[in-house]
Structures are given as C-alpha cells and as structure tokens.
Amino acid sequence: QRVLLPQGYPESVSPDYLRYQCWDSVQALCSTLLGALATRAVLQAMGVGDSAATVTGATLTWVLR
C-alpha cells in the first residue's frame, strides 16, 4: 500500500482515488503488454527466429514497417 497509495491516504485524496488508481494500473499493464506484443510481432515479421530468413528480407520488412 505504501508504494501505490499517497501519503496520508485516504484523508489526503478524493473519495474516488482508489478506483482511479486501480483503473490507471490496469491501463498501464495493458499498455505494457501491447508494447511487448507489438515488438514481438515486428521482430517475427523481420524473421527473427526463422533460420530461413535473410538479412535483406529483414531489412526490407523493417523499412516497409
């Protein structure tokens, strides 16, 4: 609680702060997951992990992205 909630909670914030903080944390988690999935998709499209992929193909995919 000391990490997520402000000093003096609950007297120091508005009554809806806890609900706001929960949704803000969910949004941050979703944003992080989205970034990780997007990076994974770009790397896969470039051929990372595919032994048949060529450097030229990876470069073209990156430029077209």
PDB file of N, CA and C in Angstrom:
ATOM      1  N   GLN A   1       0.817  -1.202   0.000  1.00  0.00           N
ATOM      2  CA  GLN A   1       0.000   0.000   0.000  1.00  0.00           C
ATOM      3  C   GLN A   1       0.855   1.258   0.000  1.00  0.00           C
ATOM      4  N   ARG A   2       1.976   1.233   0.709  1.00  0.00           N
ATOM      5  CA  ARG A   2       2.819   2.431   0.781  1.00  0.00           C
ATOM      6  C   ARG A   2       3.402   2.789  -0.585  1.00  0.00           C
ATOM      7  N   VAL A   3       3.554   1.818  -1.449  1.00  0.00           N
ATOM      8  CA  VAL A   3       4.123   2.078  -2.770  1.00  0.00           C
ATOM      9  C   VAL A   3       3.079   2.670  -3.707  1.00  0.00           C
ATOM     10  N   LEU A   4       1.844   2.180  -3.633  1.00  0.00           N
ATOM     11  CA  LEU A   4       0.805   2.584  -4.580  1.00  0.00           C
ATOM     12  C   LEU A   4      -0.043   3.764  -4.129  1.00  0.00           C
ATOM     13  N   LEU A   5      -0.164   3.957  -2.840  1.00  0.00           N
ATOM     14  CA  LEU A   5      -1.063   4.991  -2.343  1.00  0.00           C
ATOM     15  C   LEU A   5      -0.284   6.176  -1.784  1.00  0.00           C
ATOM     16  N   PRO A   6      -0.817   7.380  -1.941  1.00  0.00           N
ATOM     17  CA  PRO A   6      -0.118   8.574  -1.471  1.00  0.00           C
ATOM     18  C   PRO A   6      -0.077   8.651   0.055  1.00  0.00           C
ATOM     19  N   GLN A   7       0.859   9.440   0.551  1.00  0.00           N
ATOM     20  CA  GLN A   7       0.995   9.621   1.991  1.00  0.00           C
ATOM     21  C   GLN A   7      -0.281  10.243   2.555  1.00  0.00           C
ATOM     22  N   GLY A   8      -0.740   9.715   3.649  1.00  0.00           N
ATOM     23  CA  GLY A   8      -1.944  10.231   4.282  1.00  0.00           C
ATOM     24  C   GLY A   8      -3.234   9.654   3.730  1.00  0.00           C
ATOM     25  N   TYR A   9      -3.129   8.633   2.866  1.00  0.00           N
ATOM     26  CA  TYR A   9      -4.329   8.019   2.304  1.00  0.00           C
ATOM     27  C   TYR A   9      -5.137   7.407   3.427  1.00  0.00           C
ATOM     28  N   PRO A  10      -6.432   7.521   3.458  1.00  0.00           N
ATOM     29  CA  PRO A  10      -7.372   8.063   2.471  1.00  0.00           C
ATOM     30  C   PRO A  10      -7.759   9.520   2.708  1.00  0.00           C
ATOM     31  N   GLU A  11      -7.265  10.127   3.788  1.00  0.00           N
ATOM     32  CA  GLU A  11      -7.670  11.509   4.093  1.00  0.00           C
ATOM     33  C   GLU A  11      -7.086  12.531   3.119  1.00  0.00           C
ATOM     34  N   SER A  12      -5.986  12.204   2.451  1.00  0.00           N
ATOM     35  CA  SER A  12      -5.290  13.181   1.618  1.00  0.00           C
ATOM     36  C   SER A  12      -5.771  13.219   0.166  1.00  0.00           C
ATOM     37  N   VAL A  13      -6.721  12.369  -0.202  1.00  0.00           N
ATOM     38  CA  VAL A  13      -7.185  12.307  -1.593  1.00  0.00           C
ATOM     39  C   VAL A  13      -8.709  12.316  -1.651  1.00  0.00           C
ATOM     40  N   SER A  14      -9.215  12.484  -2.879  1.00  0.00           N
ATOM     41  CA  SER A  14     -10.672  12.466  -3.048  1.00  0.00           C
ATOM     42  C   SER A  14     -11.190  11.037  -2.865  1.00  0.00           C
ATOM     43  N   PRO A  15     -12.480  10.885  -2.588  1.00  0.00           N
ATOM     44  CA  PRO A  15     -13.041   9.555  -2.314  1.00  0.00           C
ATOM     45  C   PRO A  15     -12.919   8.562  -3.474  1.00  0.00           C
ATOM     46  N   ASP A  16     -12.813   9.033  -4.699  1.00  0.00           N
ATOM     47  CA  ASP A  16     -12.740   8.115  -5.839  1.00  0.00           C
ATOM     48  C   ASP A  16     -11.306   7.805  -6.264  1.00  0.00           C
ATOM     49  N   TYR A  17     -10.322   8.182  -5.461  1.00  0.00           N
ATOM     50  CA  TYR A  17      -8.930   7.980  -5.844  1.00  0.00           C
ATOM     51  C   TYR A  17      -8.569   6.508  -5.986  1.00  0.00           C
ATOM     52  N   LEU A  18      -9.010   5.657  -5.102  1.00  0.00           N
ATOM     53  CA  LEU A  18      -8.648   4.242  -5.162  1.00  0.00           C
ATOM     54  C   LEU A  18      -9.168   3.610  -6.453  1.00  0.00           C
ATOM     55  N   ARG A  19     -10.391   3.925  -6.819  1.00  0.00           N
ATOM     56  CA  ARG A  19     -10.944   3.402  -8.074  1.00  0.00           C
ATOM     57  C   ARG A  19     -10.135   3.919  -9.267  1.00  0.00           C
ATOM     58  N   TYR A  20      -9.793   5.206  -9.236  1.00  0.00           N
ATOM     59  CA  TYR A  20      -8.965   5.778 -10.301  1.00  0.00           C
ATOM     60  C   TYR A  20      -7.624   5.058 -10.377  1.00  0.00           C
ATOM     61  N   GLN A  21      -6.976   4.829  -9.242  1.00  0.00           N
ATOM     62  CA  GLN A  21      -5.664   4.194  -9.228  1.00  0.00           C
ATOM     63  C   GLN A  21      -5.726   2.763  -9.760  1.00  0.00           C
ATOM     64  N   CYS A  22      -6.794   2.055  -9.445  1.00  0.00           N
ATOM     65  CA  CYS A  22      -6.958   0.692  -9.966  1.00  0.00           C
ATOM     66  C   CYS A  22      -7.054   0.699 -11.487  1.00  0.00           C
ATOM     67  N   TRP A  23      -7.876   1.576 -12.040  1.00  0.00           N
ATOM     68  CA  TRP A  23      -8.027   1.643 -13.495  1.00  0.00           C
ATOM     69  C   TRP A  23      -6.752   2.157 -14.159  1.00  0.00           C
ATOM     70  N   ASP A  24      -6.055   3.064 -13.516  1.00  0.00           N
ATOM     71  CA  ASP A  24      -4.802   3.566 -14.059  1.00  0.00           C
ATOM     72  C   ASP A  24      -3.764   2.445 -14.116  1.00  0.00           C
ATOM     73  N   SER A  25      -3.740   1.597 -13.100  1.00  0.00           N
ATOM     74  CA  SER A  25      -2.811   0.464 -13.086  1.00  0.00           C
ATOM     75  C   SER A  25      -3.170  -0.559 -14.161  1.00  0.00           C
ATOM     76  N   VAL A  26      -4.458  -0.802 -14.361  1.00  0.00           N
ATOM     77  CA  VAL A  26      -4.895  -1.719 -15.426  1.00  0.00           C
ATOM     78  C   VAL A  26      -4.480  -1.163 -16.788  1.00  0.00           C
ATOM     79  N   GLN A  27      -4.653   0.136 -16.988  1.00  0.00           N
ATOM     80  CA  GLN A  27      -4.266   0.766 -18.249  1.00  0.00           C
ATOM     81  C   GLN A  27      -2.768   0.647 -18.472  1.00  0.00           C
ATOM     82  N   ALA A  28      -1.970   0.866 -17.452  1.00  0.00           N
ATOM     83  CA  ALA A  28      -0.518   0.767 -17.590  1.00  0.00           C
ATOM     84  C   ALA A  28      -0.103  -0.667 -17.928  1.00  0.00           C
ATOM     85  N   LEU A  29      -0.737  -1.636 -17.299  1.00  0.00           N
ATOM     86  CA  LEU A  29      -0.448  -3.039 -17.585  1.00  0.00           C
ATOM     87  C   LEU A  29      -0.788  -3.379 -19.036  1.00  0.00           C
ATOM     88  N   CYS A  30      -1.973  -2.953 -19.480  1.00  0.00           N
ATOM     89  CA  CYS A  30      -2.390  -3.218 -20.862  1.00  0.00           C
ATOM     90  C   CYS A  30      -1.457  -2.541 -21.859  1.00  0.00           C
ATOM     91  N   SER A  31      -1.024  -1.341 -21.560  1.00  0.00           N
ATOM     92  CA  SER A  31      -0.109  -0.621 -22.438  1.00  0.00           C
ATOM     93  C   SER A  31       1.230  -1.348 -22.535  1.00  0.00           C
ATOM     94  N   THR A  32       1.724  -1.841 -21.426  1.00  0.00           N
ATOM     95  CA  THR A  32       2.981  -2.589 -21.425  1.00  0.00           C
ATOM     96  C   THR A  32       2.858  -3.876 -22.221  1.00  0.00           C
ATOM     97  N   LEU A  33       1.759  -4.594 -22.020  1.00  0.00           N
ATOM     98  CA  LEU A  33       1.532  -5.829 -22.767  1.00  0.00           C
ATOM     99  C   LEU A  33       1.410  -5.558 -24.263  1.00  0.00           C
ATOM    100  N   LEU A  34       0.703  -4.503 -24.622  1.00  0.00           N
ATOM    101  CA  LEU A  34       0.547  -4.139 -26.031  1.00  0.00           C
ATOM    102  C   LEU A  34       1.893  -3.829 -26.665  1.00  0.00           C
ATOM    103  N   GLY A  35       2.735  -3.086 -25.964  1.00  0.00           N
ATOM    104  CA  GLY A  35       4.062  -2.772 -26.483  1.00  0.00           C
ATOM    105  C   GLY A  35       4.903  -4.021 -26.675  1.00  0.00           C
ATOM    106  N   ALA A  36       4.838  -4.943 -25.730  1.00  0.00           N
ATOM    107  CA  ALA A  36       5.602  -6.184 -25.836  1.00  0.00           C
ATOM    108  C   ALA A  36       5.117  -7.033 -27.003  1.00  0.00           C
ATOM    109  N   LEU A  37       3.800  -7.135 -27.166  1.00  0.00           N
ATOM    110  CA  LEU A  37       3.247  -7.913 -28.268  1.00  0.00           C
ATOM    111  C   LEU A  37       3.569  -7.277 -29.625  1.00  0.00           C
ATOM    112  N   ALA A  38       3.525  -5.962 -29.692  1.00  0.00           N
ATOM    113  CA  ALA A  38       3.838  -5.270 -30.943  1.00  0.00           C
ATOM    114  C   ALA A  38       5.302  -5.469 -31.311  1.00  0.00           C
ATOM    115  N   THR A  39       6.183  -5.369 -30.333  1.00  0.00           N
ATOM    116  CA  THR A  39       7.603  -5.588 -30.593  1.00  0.00           C
ATOM    117  C   THR A  39       7.846  -7.014 -31.057  1.00  0.00           C
ATOM    118  N   ARG A  40       7.202  -7.959 -30.422  1.00  0.00           N
ATOM    119  CA  ARG A  40       7.340  -9.368 -30.815  1.00  0.00           C
ATOM    120  C   ARG A  40       6.878  -9.573 -32.266  1.00  0.00           C
ATOM    121  N   ALA A  41       5.742  -8.961 -32.616  1.00  0.00           N
ATOM    122  CA  ALA A  41       5.212  -9.106 -33.975  1.00  0.00           C
ATOM    123  C   ALA A  41       6.167  -8.506 -35.006  1.00  0.00           C
ATOM    124  N   VAL A  42       6.740  -7.360 -34.701  1.00  0.00           N
ATOM    125  CA  VAL A  42       7.681  -6.733 -35.634  1.00  0.00           C
ATOM    126  C   VAL A  42       8.919  -7.606 -35.793  1.00  0.00           C
ATOM    127  N   LEU A  43       9.436  -8.127 -34.687  1.00  0.00           N
ATOM    128  CA  LEU A  43      10.625  -8.973 -34.774  1.00  0.00           C
ATOM    129  C   LEU A  43      10.339 -10.255 -35.541  1.00  0.00           C
ATOM    130  N   GLN A  44       9.163 -10.843 -35.328  1.00  0.00           N
ATOM    131  CA  GLN A  44       8.791 -12.038 -36.090  1.00  0.00           C
ATOM    132  C   GLN A  44       8.658 -11.716 -37.577  1.00  0.00           C
ATOM    133  N   ALA A  45       8.061 -10.574 -37.891  1.00  0.00           N
ATOM    134  CA  ALA A  45       7.903 -10.177 -39.287  1.00  0.00           C
ATOM    135  C   ALA A  45       9.256  -9.960 -39.950  1.00  0.00           C
ATOM    136  N   MET A  46      10.246  -9.557 -39.170  1.00  0.00           N
ATOM    137  CA  MET A  46      11.590  -9.354 -39.700  1.00  0.00           C
ATOM    138  C   MET A  46      12.344 -10.671 -39.854  1.00  0.00           C
ATOM    139  N   GLY A  47      11.780 -11.749 -39.330  1.00  0.00           N
ATOM    140  CA  GLY A  47      12.417 -13.043 -39.499  1.00  0.00           C
ATOM    141  C   GLY A  47      13.233 -13.500 -38.321  1.00  0.00           C
ATOM    142  N   VAL A  48      13.161 -12.805 -37.204  1.00  0.00           N
ATOM    143  CA  VAL A  48      13.911 -13.233 -36.022  1.00  0.00           C
ATOM    144  C   VAL A  48      13.391 -14.596 -35.588  1.00  0.00           C
ATOM    145  N   GLY A  49      14.298 -15.527 -35.420  1.00  0.00           N
ATOM    146  CA  GLY A  49      13.926 -16.871 -35.013  1.00  0.00           C
ATOM    147  C   GLY A  49      13.687 -17.819 -36.174  1.00  0.00           C
ATOM    148  N   ASP A  50      13.659 -17.298 -37.391  1.00  0.00           N
ATOM    149  CA  ASP A  50      13.449 -18.119 -38.573  1.00  0.00           C
ATOM    150  C   ASP A  50      14.790 -18.355 -39.254  1.00  0.00           C
ATOM    151  N   SER A  51      15.242 -19.584 -39.279  1.00  0.00           N
ATOM    152  CA  SER A  51      16.560 -19.878 -39.844  1.00  0.00           C
ATOM    153  C   SER A  51      16.617 -19.640 -41.350  1.00  0.00           C
ATOM    154  N   ALA A  52      15.462 -19.602 -42.011  1.00  0.00           N
ATOM    155  CA  ALA A  52      15.428 -19.384 -43.453  1.00  0.00           C
ATOM    156  C   ALA A  52      15.370 -17.899 -43.832  1.00  0.00           C
ATOM    157  N   ALA A  53      15.225 -17.027 -42.841  1.00  0.00           N
ATOM    158  CA  ALA A  53      15.118 -15.595 -43.127  1.00  0.00           C
ATOM    159  C   ALA A  53      16.475 -15.041 -43.564  1.00  0.00           C
ATOM    160  N   THR A  54      16.425 -14.047 -44.449  1.00  0.00           N
ATOM    161  CA  THR A  54      17.660 -13.422 -44.916  1.00  0.00           C
ATOM    162  C   THR A  54      17.783 -12.023 -44.339  1.00  0.00           C
ATOM    163  N   VAL A  55      18.981 -11.512 -44.325  1.00  0.00           N
ATOM    164  CA  VAL A  55      19.214 -10.152 -43.844  1.00  0.00           C
ATOM    165  C   VAL A  55      18.503  -9.157 -44.740  1.00  0.00           C
ATOM    166  N   THR A  56      18.505  -9.394 -46.036  1.00  0.00           N
ATOM    167  CA  THR A  56      17.830  -8.497 -46.972  1.00  0.00           C
ATOM    168  C   THR A  56      16.329  -8.470 -46.708  1.00  0.00           C
ATOM    169  N   GLY A  57      15.744  -9.631 -46.497  1.00  0.00           N
ATOM    170  CA  GLY A  57      14.320  -9.689 -46.206  1.00  0.00           C
ATOM    171  C   GLY A  57      13.975  -8.969 -44.918  1.00  0.00           C
ATOM    172  N   ALA A  58      14.799  -9.130 -43.917  1.00  0.00           N
ATOM    173  CA  ALA A  58      14.570  -8.444 -42.644  1.00  0.00           C
ATOM    174  C   ALA A  58      14.693  -6.933 -42.815  1.00  0.00           C
ATOM    175  N   THR A  59      15.679  -6.495 -43.595  1.00  0.00           N
ATOM    176  CA  THR A  59      15.866  -5.062 -43.825  1.00  0.00           C
ATOM    177  C   THR A  59      14.685  -4.479 -44.572  1.00  0.00           C
ATOM    178  N   LEU A  60      14.216  -5.142 -45.602  1.00  0.00           N
ATOM    179  CA  LEU A  60      13.060  -4.647 -46.349  1.00  0.00           C
ATOM    180  C   LEU A  60      11.805  -4.591 -45.485  1.00  0.00           C
ATOM    181  N   THR A  61      11.610  -5.610 -44.676  1.00  0.00           N
ATOM    182  CA  THR A  61      10.446  -5.612 -43.785  1.00  0.00           C
ATOM    183  C   THR A  61      10.509  -4.440 -42.819  1.00  0.00           C
ATOM    184  N   TRP A  62      11.697  -4.170 -42.276  1.00  0.00           N
ATOM    185  CA  TRP A  62      11.847  -3.071 -41.331  1.00  0.00           C
ATOM    186  C   TRP A  62      11.586  -1.732 -42.016  1.00  0.00           C
ATOM    187  N   VAL A  63      12.074  -1.557 -43.243  1.00  0.00           N
ATOM    188  CA  VAL A  63      11.864  -0.304 -43.974  1.00  0.00           C
ATOM    189  C   VAL A  63      10.387  -0.127 -44.302  1.00  0.00           C
ATOM    190  N   LEU A  64       9.710  -1.187 -44.709  1.00  0.00           N
ATOM    191  CA  LEU A  64       8.302  -1.094 -45.058  1.00  0.00           C
ATOM    192  C   LEU A  64       7.405  -0.875 -43.837  1.00  0.00           C
ATOM    193  N   ARG A  65       7.903  -1.236 -42.709  1.00  0.00           N
ATOM    194  CA  ARG A  65       7.113  -1.076 -41.485  1.00  0.00           C
ATOM    195  C   ARG A  65       6.880   0.388 -41.263  1.00  0.00           C
TER     196      ARG A  65
END
